Amino acid sequence: MKAKFTVSAMINAKAEKIYKAYLLSEEHSAMTGSPARVDGTVNGDFTAWDGYIQGMFLELEKNRRIVQAWRTAEFPTDAEDSIVEILLEESRGKTKLTINHSNIPEGQADSYKTGWEDFYFKPMKKYF
């Protein structure tokens, strides 16, 4: 059975700023502290963490929601992409960022759950 989980964090930035940072190569690289290449359009592809993560944008709701087909270099070659849904809920100039990550290959969910915390939430809190 494929694994799934949800993680969230409060980021001290407006939803618009976070949304744009996810969709622009230079901003994505700056907010994570690692090279990224991003075509921030529906069906546009992306790589992050110097190619460790790759995928495609499936759905975009401006300043509210991003859905990605997502995989890492650790996925088995025959594994389907996982799905990452990024939700942005702004309140009083801060944004609750929620990651719903599903369709994860067996045995990898715990690593990615920690990865979202360590390689996205922590650097984003410093950046914003």
N, C-alpha and C. Protein backbone atom coordinates (compact mmCIF):
# COMPACT_ATOMS: atom_id res chain seq x y z
N MET A 1 0.84 -1.19 0.00
CA MET A 1 0.00 0.00 0.00
C MET A 1 0.88 1.25 0.00
N LYS A 2 0.50 2.23 -0.80
CA LYS A 2 1.25 3.47 -0.88
C LYS A 2 1.00 4.30 0.37
N ALA A 3 2.04 4.98 0.82
CA ALA A 3 1.95 5.79 2.04
C ALA A 3 1.54 7.22 1.72
N LYS A 4 1.05 7.91 2.76
CA LYS A 4 0.72 9.34 2.64
C LYS A 4 0.85 9.98 4.01
N PHE A 5 1.01 11.30 4.02
CA PHE A 5 1.07 12.05 5.27
C PHE A 5 0.76 13.51 4.99
N THR A 6 0.55 14.26 6.08
CA THR A 6 0.33 15.70 6.01
C THR A 6 1.24 16.36 7.03
N VAL A 7 1.91 17.43 6.62
CA VAL A 7 2.73 18.25 7.52
C VAL A 7 2.38 19.71 7.25
N SER A 8 2.55 20.55 8.28
CA SER A 8 2.26 21.97 8.08
C SER A 8 3.16 22.82 8.96
N ALA A 9 3.27 24.09 8.57
CA ALA A 9 4.07 25.05 9.32
C ALA A 9 3.52 26.44 9.07
N MET A 10 3.73 27.33 10.04
CA MET A 10 3.38 28.74 9.85
C MET A 10 4.63 29.45 9.33
N ILE A 11 4.45 30.19 8.24
CA ILE A 11 5.54 30.94 7.62
C ILE A 11 5.20 32.42 7.73
N ASN A 12 6.17 33.20 8.13
CA ASN A 12 5.97 34.64 8.35
C ASN A 12 6.07 35.40 7.02
N ALA A 13 5.12 35.11 6.12
CA ALA A 13 5.07 35.76 4.81
C ALA A 13 3.67 35.63 4.25
N LYS A 14 3.33 36.52 3.34
CA LYS A 14 2.04 36.44 2.68
C LYS A 14 2.03 35.26 1.71
N ALA A 15 0.84 34.71 1.49
CA ALA A 15 0.69 33.55 0.60
C ALA A 15 1.23 33.86 -0.80
N GLU A 16 1.01 35.04 -1.29
CA GLU A 16 1.47 35.42 -2.63
C GLU A 16 2.98 35.28 -2.76
N LYS A 17 3.70 35.68 -1.74
CA LYS A 17 5.17 35.62 -1.76
C LYS A 17 5.65 34.16 -1.78
N ILE A 18 5.03 33.30 -0.99
CA ILE A 18 5.41 31.89 -0.94
C ILE A 18 5.05 31.21 -2.26
N TYR A 19 3.86 31.49 -2.77
CA TYR A 19 3.40 30.92 -4.04
C TYR A 19 4.39 31.25 -5.15
N LYS A 20 4.77 32.52 -5.26
CA LYS A 20 5.72 32.94 -6.29
C LYS A 20 7.07 32.25 -6.11
N ALA A 21 7.50 32.09 -4.87
CA ALA A 21 8.80 31.46 -4.61
C ALA A 21 8.81 30.00 -5.08
N TYR A 22 7.69 29.32 -4.98
CA TYR A 22 7.62 27.94 -5.46
C TYR A 22 7.71 27.87 -6.99
N LEU A 23 7.29 28.92 -7.68
CA LEU A 23 7.13 28.86 -9.14
C LEU A 23 8.25 29.52 -9.93
N LEU A 24 9.22 30.11 -9.26
CA LEU A 24 10.33 30.78 -9.95
C LEU A 24 11.66 30.16 -9.53
N SER A 25 12.48 29.81 -10.49
CA SER A 25 13.75 29.13 -10.21
C SER A 25 14.60 29.88 -9.20
N GLU A 26 14.84 31.16 -9.44
CA GLU A 26 15.71 31.93 -8.56
C GLU A 26 15.16 32.01 -7.13
N GLU A 27 13.86 32.25 -7.01
CA GLU A 27 13.23 32.35 -5.69
C GLU A 27 13.21 31.00 -4.98
N HIS A 28 12.90 29.94 -5.71
CA HIS A 28 12.87 28.60 -5.10
C HIS A 28 14.26 28.25 -4.57
N SER A 29 15.28 28.54 -5.36
CA SER A 29 16.66 28.29 -4.92
C SER A 29 16.99 29.10 -3.68
N ALA A 30 16.57 30.35 -3.66
CA ALA A 30 16.87 31.22 -2.51
C ALA A 30 16.14 30.76 -1.25
N MET A 31 14.87 30.35 -1.39
CA MET A 31 14.11 29.99 -0.18
C MET A 31 14.56 28.66 0.41
N THR A 32 15.12 27.76 -0.40
CA THR A 32 15.58 26.48 0.13
C THR A 32 17.08 26.46 0.38
N GLY A 33 17.81 27.35 -0.28
CA GLY A 33 19.26 27.36 -0.15
C GLY A 33 19.93 26.32 -1.02
N SER A 34 19.23 25.81 -2.02
CA SER A 34 19.78 24.79 -2.90
C SER A 34 19.28 25.02 -4.33
N PRO A 35 20.09 24.67 -5.34
CA PRO A 35 19.71 24.92 -6.72
C PRO A 35 18.38 24.27 -7.12
N ALA A 36 17.58 25.06 -7.84
CA ALA A 36 16.31 24.58 -8.38
C ALA A 36 16.13 25.15 -9.78
N ARG A 37 15.42 24.41 -10.61
CA ARG A 37 15.04 24.87 -11.94
C ARG A 37 13.54 24.65 -12.04
N VAL A 38 12.79 25.72 -12.28
CA VAL A 38 11.34 25.65 -12.20
C VAL A 38 10.69 26.31 -13.40
N ASP A 39 9.80 25.57 -14.08
CA ASP A 39 8.90 26.12 -15.09
C ASP A 39 7.54 26.16 -14.41
N GLY A 40 7.21 27.27 -13.77
CA GLY A 40 6.04 27.38 -12.91
C GLY A 40 4.72 27.54 -13.63
N THR A 41 4.45 26.63 -14.58
CA THR A 41 3.19 26.63 -15.30
C THR A 41 2.59 25.22 -15.21
N VAL A 42 1.29 25.09 -15.46
CA VAL A 42 0.68 23.76 -15.49
C VAL A 42 1.37 22.95 -16.59
N ASN A 43 1.77 21.75 -16.26
CA ASN A 43 2.55 20.84 -17.10
C ASN A 43 4.02 21.24 -17.21
N GLY A 44 4.42 22.30 -16.50
CA GLY A 44 5.82 22.69 -16.46
C GLY A 44 6.58 21.80 -15.50
N ASP A 45 7.84 21.52 -15.82
CA ASP A 45 8.60 20.64 -14.95
C ASP A 45 9.48 21.43 -13.98
N PHE A 46 10.01 20.72 -13.00
CA PHE A 46 10.88 21.35 -12.02
C PHE A 46 11.88 20.32 -11.49
N THR A 47 13.00 20.85 -11.02
CA THR A 47 13.94 20.06 -10.23
C THR A 47 14.30 20.92 -9.02
N ALA A 48 14.58 20.27 -7.92
CA ALA A 48 14.98 20.98 -6.70
C ALA A 48 16.06 20.16 -6.00
N TRP A 49 16.73 20.82 -5.11
CA TRP A 49 17.81 20.19 -4.36
C TRP A 49 18.82 19.54 -5.31
N ASP A 50 19.25 20.38 -6.28
CA ASP A 50 20.30 20.00 -7.22
C ASP A 50 19.95 18.72 -7.99
N GLY A 51 18.65 18.58 -8.32
CA GLY A 51 18.19 17.45 -9.11
C GLY A 51 17.71 16.24 -8.32
N TYR A 52 17.86 16.26 -7.00
CA TYR A 52 17.39 15.14 -6.17
C TYR A 52 15.87 14.98 -6.28
N ILE A 53 15.16 16.11 -6.35
CA ILE A 53 13.70 16.11 -6.51
C ILE A 53 13.38 16.56 -7.94
N GLN A 54 12.41 15.89 -8.56
CA GLN A 54 11.95 16.33 -9.87
C GLN A 54 10.47 16.06 -10.01
N GLY A 55 9.85 16.78 -10.91
CA GLY A 55 8.43 16.55 -11.12
C GLY A 55 7.82 17.52 -12.10
N MET A 56 6.48 17.64 -12.01
CA MET A 56 5.72 18.50 -12.91
C MET A 56 4.56 19.12 -12.14
N PHE A 57 4.22 20.34 -12.51
CA PHE A 57 3.07 21.02 -11.92
C PHE A 57 1.80 20.52 -12.61
N LEU A 58 0.87 20.00 -11.81
CA LEU A 58 -0.39 19.46 -12.34
C LEU A 58 -1.53 20.46 -12.25
N GLU A 59 -1.58 21.21 -11.14
CA GLU A 59 -2.65 22.20 -10.93
C GLU A 59 -2.07 23.40 -10.21
N LEU A 60 -2.56 24.59 -10.56
CA LEU A 60 -2.15 25.82 -9.88
C LEU A 60 -3.38 26.68 -9.61
N GLU A 61 -3.59 27.05 -8.36
CA GLU A 61 -4.61 28.02 -7.97
C GLU A 61 -3.86 29.17 -7.34
N LYS A 62 -3.79 30.28 -8.02
CA LYS A 62 -2.95 31.41 -7.64
C LYS A 62 -3.07 31.74 -6.14
N ASN A 63 -1.91 31.73 -5.49
CA ASN A 63 -1.75 32.10 -4.08
C ASN A 63 -2.49 31.18 -3.10
N ARG A 64 -2.99 30.04 -3.57
CA ARG A 64 -3.78 29.16 -2.70
C ARG A 64 -3.35 27.70 -2.72
N ARG A 65 -3.01 27.17 -3.92
CA ARG A 65 -2.82 25.72 -4.03
C ARG A 65 -1.92 25.39 -5.20
N ILE A 66 -1.02 24.43 -4.97
CA ILE A 66 -0.13 23.90 -6.00
C ILE A 66 -0.19 22.38 -5.89
N VAL A 67 -0.39 21.70 -7.01
CA VAL A 67 -0.36 20.24 -7.02
C VAL A 67 0.75 19.81 -7.98
N GLN A 68 1.61 18.89 -7.49
CA GLN A 68 2.75 18.44 -8.27
C GLN A 68 2.78 16.92 -8.36
N ALA A 69 3.22 16.42 -9.51
CA ALA A 69 3.72 15.05 -9.61
C ALA A 69 5.16 15.16 -9.13
N TRP A 70 5.58 14.32 -8.21
CA TRP A 70 6.82 14.54 -7.45
C TRP A 70 7.54 13.22 -7.23
N ARG A 71 8.86 13.22 -7.40
CA ARG A 71 9.65 12.03 -7.11
C ARG A 71 11.07 12.44 -6.77
N THR A 72 11.79 11.52 -6.12
CA THR A 72 13.19 11.77 -5.82
C THR A 72 14.06 10.72 -6.51
N ALA A 73 15.35 10.93 -6.42
CA ALA A 73 16.31 9.98 -6.98
C ALA A 73 16.22 8.62 -6.29
N GLU A 74 15.57 8.56 -5.13
CA GLU A 74 15.43 7.30 -4.38
C GLU A 74 14.23 6.46 -4.80
N PHE A 75 13.35 7.00 -5.63
CA PHE A 75 12.19 6.22 -6.08
C PHE A 75 12.67 5.05 -6.94
N PRO A 76 12.06 3.88 -6.78
CA PRO A 76 12.35 2.79 -7.71
C PRO A 76 12.01 3.25 -9.13
N THR A 77 12.76 2.80 -10.11
CA THR A 77 12.55 3.28 -11.48
C THR A 77 11.14 2.99 -12.00
N ASP A 78 10.52 1.92 -11.52
CA ASP A 78 9.18 1.57 -11.99
C ASP A 78 8.06 2.17 -11.12
N ALA A 79 8.42 2.98 -10.12
CA ALA A 79 7.41 3.58 -9.24
C ALA A 79 6.70 4.74 -9.92
N GLU A 80 5.40 4.83 -9.68
CA GLU A 80 4.64 6.01 -10.12
C GLU A 80 5.13 7.22 -9.34
N ASP A 81 4.90 8.41 -9.91
CA ASP A 81 5.19 9.64 -9.17
C ASP A 81 4.29 9.71 -7.95
N SER A 82 4.78 10.33 -6.90
CA SER A 82 3.91 10.65 -5.78
C SER A 82 3.20 11.97 -6.11
N ILE A 83 2.24 12.33 -5.30
CA ILE A 83 1.50 13.58 -5.50
C ILE A 83 1.72 14.46 -4.27
N VAL A 84 2.12 15.70 -4.53
CA VAL A 84 2.29 16.70 -3.47
C VAL A 84 1.29 17.81 -3.71
N GLU A 85 0.45 18.06 -2.70
CA GLU A 85 -0.49 19.17 -2.72
C GLU A 85 0.00 20.18 -1.69
N ILE A 86 0.23 21.41 -2.13
CA ILE A 86 0.70 22.49 -1.27
C ILE A 86 -0.45 23.46 -1.10
N LEU A 87 -0.90 23.65 0.15
CA LEU A 87 -2.00 24.55 0.44
C LEU A 87 -1.48 25.76 1.20
N LEU A 88 -1.93 26.94 0.81
CA LEU A 88 -1.52 28.19 1.44
C LEU A 88 -2.75 28.89 2.01
N GLU A 89 -2.76 29.09 3.33
CA GLU A 89 -3.87 29.76 4.01
C GLU A 89 -3.33 30.95 4.77
N GLU A 90 -3.57 32.14 4.21
CA GLU A 90 -3.03 33.36 4.80
C GLU A 90 -3.97 33.93 5.85
N SER A 91 -3.37 34.42 6.93
CA SER A 91 -4.12 35.10 7.98
C SER A 91 -3.20 36.10 8.66
N ARG A 92 -3.58 37.35 8.64
CA ARG A 92 -2.83 38.42 9.31
C ARG A 92 -1.37 38.49 8.87
N GLY A 93 -1.14 38.34 7.57
CA GLY A 93 0.21 38.48 7.03
C GLY A 93 1.10 37.27 7.17
N LYS A 94 0.59 36.22 7.82
CA LYS A 94 1.34 34.96 7.92
C LYS A 94 0.57 33.91 7.14
N THR A 95 1.26 32.83 6.79
CA THR A 95 0.62 31.79 5.98
C THR A 95 0.86 30.42 6.58
N LYS A 96 -0.25 29.69 6.73
CA LYS A 96 -0.14 28.28 7.10
C LYS A 96 0.11 27.51 5.81
N LEU A 97 1.26 26.86 5.76
CA LEU A 97 1.66 26.06 4.62
C LEU A 97 1.43 24.60 4.97
N THR A 98 0.56 23.92 4.22
CA THR A 98 0.26 22.52 4.47
C THR A 98 0.68 21.70 3.26
N ILE A 99 1.39 20.61 3.53
CA ILE A 99 1.82 19.68 2.48
C ILE A 99 1.06 18.38 2.68
N ASN A 100 0.27 17.99 1.68
CA ASN A 100 -0.36 16.68 1.63
C ASN A 100 0.44 15.86 0.62
N HIS A 101 1.15 14.85 1.09
CA HIS A 101 2.03 14.06 0.23
C HIS A 101 1.48 12.63 0.18
N SER A 102 1.16 12.15 -1.01
CA SER A 102 0.54 10.83 -1.16
C SER A 102 1.21 10.03 -2.27
N ASN A 103 0.84 8.75 -2.34
CA ASN A 103 1.36 7.81 -3.34
C ASN A 103 2.88 7.64 -3.22
N ILE A 104 3.35 7.52 -1.98
CA ILE A 104 4.78 7.41 -1.70
C ILE A 104 5.17 5.94 -1.69
N PRO A 105 6.29 5.60 -2.34
CA PRO A 105 6.74 4.20 -2.33
C PRO A 105 6.93 3.67 -0.91
N GLU A 106 6.69 2.40 -0.75
CA GLU A 106 6.81 1.70 0.53
C GLU A 106 8.15 2.00 1.21
N GLY A 107 8.09 2.34 2.49
CA GLY A 107 9.28 2.53 3.29
C GLY A 107 9.95 3.90 3.18
N GLN A 108 9.38 4.82 2.38
CA GLN A 108 10.04 6.11 2.18
C GLN A 108 9.34 7.29 2.85
N ALA A 109 8.14 7.11 3.35
CA ALA A 109 7.35 8.23 3.88
C ALA A 109 8.03 8.95 5.04
N ASP A 110 8.58 8.23 5.99
CA ASP A 110 9.20 8.87 7.15
C ASP A 110 10.34 9.78 6.74
N SER A 111 11.13 9.34 5.78
CA SER A 111 12.25 10.14 5.28
C SER A 111 11.75 11.45 4.66
N TYR A 112 10.70 11.38 3.86
CA TYR A 112 10.19 12.59 3.20
C TYR A 112 9.48 13.51 4.19
N LYS A 113 8.81 12.93 5.17
CA LYS A 113 8.16 13.74 6.20
C LYS A 113 9.22 14.59 6.92
N THR A 114 10.32 13.97 7.31
CA THR A 114 11.42 14.70 7.93
C THR A 114 12.04 15.68 6.95
N GLY A 115 12.13 15.27 5.68
CA GLY A 115 12.70 16.14 4.65
C GLY A 115 11.94 17.43 4.46
N TRP A 116 10.61 17.37 4.48
CA TRP A 116 9.82 18.61 4.35
C TRP A 116 10.16 19.57 5.49
N GLU A 117 10.28 19.04 6.68
CA GLU A 117 10.63 19.87 7.84
C GLU A 117 12.03 20.48 7.70
N ASP A 118 13.01 19.61 7.42
CA ASP A 118 14.41 20.04 7.43
C ASP A 118 14.83 20.82 6.19
N PHE A 119 14.31 20.46 5.02
CA PHE A 119 14.80 21.05 3.78
C PHE A 119 13.84 22.05 3.13
N TYR A 120 12.65 22.22 3.71
CA TYR A 120 11.73 23.25 3.23
C TYR A 120 11.30 24.18 4.37
N PHE A 121 10.61 23.64 5.37
CA PHE A 121 10.07 24.51 6.41
C PHE A 121 11.15 25.31 7.14
N LYS A 122 12.21 24.67 7.60
CA LYS A 122 13.26 25.39 8.33
C LYS A 122 13.91 26.47 7.49
N PRO A 123 14.37 26.17 6.25
CA PRO A 123 14.97 27.24 5.46
C PRO A 123 13.97 28.34 5.08
N MET A 124 12.71 27.96 4.85
CA MET A 124 11.70 28.97 4.50
C MET A 124 11.46 29.93 5.66
N LYS A 125 11.44 29.41 6.88
CA LYS A 125 11.25 30.28 8.05
C LYS A 125 12.38 31.28 8.16
N LYS A 126 13.59 30.88 7.82
CA LYS A 126 14.73 31.82 7.84
C LYS A 126 14.64 32.80 6.69
N TYR A 127 14.29 32.32 5.50
CA TYR A 127 14.24 33.15 4.30
C TYR A 127 13.17 34.22 4.39
N PHE A 128 11.99 33.84 4.83
CA PHE A 128 10.87 34.79 4.87
C PHE A 128 10.85 35.52 6.20
